[in-house]
Amino acid sequence: MPHQTTITERGSFAIARCSCGWTGPARRSRDRARTDAQTHNPPLTVPSGT
């Protein structure tokens, strides 16, 4: 089952969170928080040859 990541804002900080319970560090940059979420949840790839 793929992870569901979201970005939550708390004051001037953005935090990446995942449905598995993982939480990234608080960031002042929303873009950095999005990068944290993408790093935690890389895109799914389809195996070749199937």
Protein backbone atom coordinates (compact mmCIF):
# COMPACT_ATOMS: atom_id res chain seq x y z
CA MET A 1 0.00 0.00 0.00
CA PRO A 2 1.50 3.37 -0.96
CA HIS A 3 2.14 5.95 1.68
CA GLN A 4 -0.05 9.08 1.78
CA THR A 5 2.07 12.14 2.49
CA THR A 6 0.77 15.61 3.34
CA ILE A 7 2.28 18.95 4.24
CA THR A 8 1.03 20.54 7.47
CA GLU A 9 1.71 24.14 8.39
CA ARG A 10 2.30 25.15 11.98
CA GLY A 11 3.00 28.85 12.31
CA SER A 12 5.82 29.71 9.92
CA PHE A 13 6.92 26.07 9.60
CA ALA A 14 5.89 23.36 7.14
CA ILE A 15 6.07 19.70 8.18
CA ALA A 16 5.82 16.64 5.94
CA ARG A 17 3.72 13.85 7.46
CA CYS A 18 2.87 10.35 6.27
CA SER A 19 0.05 7.89 6.91
CA CYS A 20 2.65 5.38 8.22
CA GLY A 21 3.46 7.69 11.16
CA TRP A 22 6.65 9.22 9.74
CA THR A 23 7.14 12.96 10.31
CA GLY A 24 9.82 15.04 8.63
CA PRO A 25 11.67 17.93 10.24
CA ALA A 26 9.99 21.33 10.54
CA ARG A 27 11.03 23.54 7.65
CA ARG A 28 10.59 27.24 6.97
CA SER A 29 10.46 26.40 3.26
CA ARG A 30 7.34 24.60 1.97
CA ASP A 31 9.43 23.39 -0.99
CA ARG A 32 11.92 21.69 1.34
CA ALA A 33 9.03 20.01 3.21
CA ARG A 34 7.65 18.75 -0.15
CA THR A 35 11.10 17.39 -1.00
CA ASP A 36 11.20 15.58 2.36
CA ALA A 37 7.83 13.99 1.55
CA GLN A 38 8.97 12.93 -1.94
CA THR A 39 12.17 11.45 -0.53
CA HIS A 40 10.17 9.45 2.00
CA ASN A 41 7.66 8.30 -0.61
CA PRO A 42 9.41 7.85 -3.97
CA PRO A 43 7.15 7.46 -7.04
CA LEU A 44 6.03 3.92 -7.80
CA THR A 45 7.73 2.27 -10.75
CA VAL A 46 6.31 -0.51 -12.88
CA PRO A 47 8.68 -3.43 -13.31
CA SER A 48 9.75 -3.90 -16.91
CA GLY A 49 9.10 -7.15 -18.73
CA THR A 50 5.67 -7.88 -17.23
